[in-house]
Amino acid sequence: MEISKKDGDVKNEINHDDLFWFMLDHDKLHKDYFFPIARQLKNRDGCSPEKVLELYMPMVKKGCKEYYSDKKMNGNLAKLFPRDLREEMCHRLHDHYFDDIKNEKYNLGN
C-alpha cells in the first residue's frame, strides 16, 4: 500500500491553534522556559516585539520539537515550523500571558 504525497502532507500539516494550546498545556515547557520569562517580565510595563522574540523563541523552538515528536511527524523541522510561524507563536504566547504576569497570577517567587 502506498501513501500518497497528499496524505503525507496532511499528517505534517500544522494547526496553529493546536500548536499554541500544546505549548500552553506543556508543564515542562512552563517549568523550564515560561517561569524564567515571567520573572523577567513581572516588573516591566511593556515589551518590544524584538524582546518578545528574544524571550519566547527558545520556548517556542522547544515546543515545536516536542509537538513534532508528540504528533509523530516527519520531515525537516525548519520547513514544518518556519520562522514566521515561530514568531507568531512567540507573540501569541506573550499576548496570552502578559496581563496575568502583570497581575501576579503566577507564583514566581522572588
Protein backbone atom coordinates (compact mmCIF):
# COMPACT_ATOMS: atom_id res chain seq x y z
CA MET A 1 0.00 0.00 0.00
CA GLU A 2 1.42 3.37 -0.99
CA ILE A 3 0.74 6.58 0.83
CA SER A 4 0.16 9.49 -1.49
CA LYS A 5 2.09 12.72 -1.07
CA LYS A 6 -1.20 14.40 -0.19
CA ASP A 7 -1.75 12.00 2.73
CA GLY A 8 1.78 12.67 3.97
CA ASP A 9 1.16 16.41 3.81
CA VAL A 10 -1.98 16.09 5.92
CA LYS A 11 -0.01 14.29 8.65
CA ASN A 12 2.56 17.10 8.69
CA GLU A 13 0.09 19.96 8.42
CA ILE A 14 0.48 22.30 11.39
CA ASN A 15 -2.67 23.57 13.02
CA HIS A 16 -1.53 26.86 14.60
CA ASP A 17 -4.16 26.74 17.35
CA ASP A 18 -3.30 23.13 18.17
CA LEU A 19 0.39 24.03 18.43
CA PHE A 20 -0.42 27.07 20.60
CA TRP A 21 -2.54 25.03 23.06
CA PHE A 22 0.01 22.22 23.05
CA MET A 23 2.61 24.72 24.28
CA LEU A 24 0.25 26.22 26.85
CA ASP A 25 -0.56 22.79 28.29
CA HIS A 26 3.03 21.51 28.36
CA ASP A 27 4.14 21.52 32.02
CA LYS A 28 7.85 21.04 31.34
CA LEU A 29 7.92 23.99 28.91
CA HIS A 30 6.43 26.14 31.65
CA LYS A 31 8.89 24.99 34.27
CA ASP A 32 11.97 25.27 32.06
CA TYR A 33 11.07 28.30 29.93
CA PHE A 34 7.94 30.23 30.89
CA PHE A 35 8.59 30.86 34.58
CA PRO A 36 12.04 32.38 33.92
CA ILE A 37 10.46 34.60 31.22
CA ALA A 38 7.68 35.65 33.60
CA ARG A 39 10.21 36.59 36.29
CA GLN A 40 11.92 38.91 33.80
CA LEU A 41 8.63 40.48 32.70
CA LYS A 42 6.82 40.89 36.01
CA ASN A 43 8.25 44.36 36.69
CA ARG A 44 8.05 45.68 33.13
CA ASP A 45 5.36 47.94 31.74
CA GLY A 46 5.66 46.50 28.27
CA CYS A 47 7.84 44.56 25.94
CA SER A 48 9.09 45.43 22.45
CA PRO A 49 8.38 42.96 19.63
CA GLU A 50 12.11 42.24 19.44
CA LYS A 51 12.27 41.47 23.16
CA VAL A 52 9.23 39.17 22.86
CA LEU A 53 11.07 37.16 20.20
CA GLU A 54 14.26 37.10 22.25
CA LEU A 55 12.47 35.87 25.38
CA TYR A 56 9.99 33.40 23.93
CA MET A 57 11.84 31.93 20.92
CA PRO A 58 13.76 29.28 22.93
CA MET A 59 10.45 28.12 24.46
CA VAL A 60 8.74 28.07 21.06
CA LYS A 61 11.60 26.16 19.41
CA LYS A 62 11.49 23.53 22.14
CA GLY A 63 7.69 23.43 21.93
CA CYS A 64 7.86 22.84 18.17
CA LYS A 65 10.30 19.96 18.70
CA GLU A 66 8.04 18.45 21.37
CA TYR A 67 4.97 18.85 19.11
CA TYR A 68 6.87 17.24 16.21
CA SER A 69 7.74 14.26 18.40
CA ASP A 70 4.31 14.00 20.05
CA LYS A 71 2.47 14.07 16.71
CA LYS A 72 4.97 11.61 15.18
CA MET A 73 5.67 13.99 12.34
CA ASN A 74 8.41 13.55 9.79
CA GLY A 75 10.31 15.92 7.57
CA ASN A 76 12.51 18.92 8.09
CA LEU A 77 11.70 20.85 11.30
CA ALA A 78 12.69 24.20 9.77
CA LYS A 79 10.30 23.67 6.86
CA LEU A 80 7.46 22.41 9.04
CA PHE A 81 7.91 25.22 11.58
CA PRO A 82 9.19 28.19 9.54
CA ARG A 83 10.43 31.35 11.23
CA ASP A 84 7.19 33.26 10.61
CA LEU A 85 5.20 30.52 12.39
CA ARG A 86 7.62 30.50 15.32
CA GLU A 87 7.48 34.30 15.57
CA GLU A 88 3.67 34.20 15.51
CA MET A 89 3.72 31.70 18.39
CA CYS A 90 6.08 33.94 20.40
CA HIS A 91 3.71 36.88 20.08
CA ARG A 92 0.60 34.79 20.77
CA LEU A 93 2.15 33.34 23.92
CA HIS A 94 3.23 36.78 25.10
CA ASP A 95 -0.22 38.26 24.42
CA HIS A 96 -1.82 35.37 26.29
CA TYR A 97 0.44 35.57 29.34
CA PHE A 98 1.40 39.23 29.80
CA ASP A 99 -1.67 40.54 31.67
CA ASP A 100 -1.60 37.56 34.03
CA ILE A 101 2.11 38.13 34.67
CA LYS A 102 1.47 41.80 35.45
CA ASN A 103 -1.45 40.88 37.71
CA GLU A 104 0.76 38.37 39.54
CA LYS A 105 -1.41 35.34 38.71
CA TYR A 106 1.66 33.09 38.77
CA ASN A 107 3.60 32.14 41.89
CA LEU A 108 7.03 33.23 40.68
CA GLY A 109 8.82 33.54 43.99
CA ASN A 110 11.31 36.37 44.34
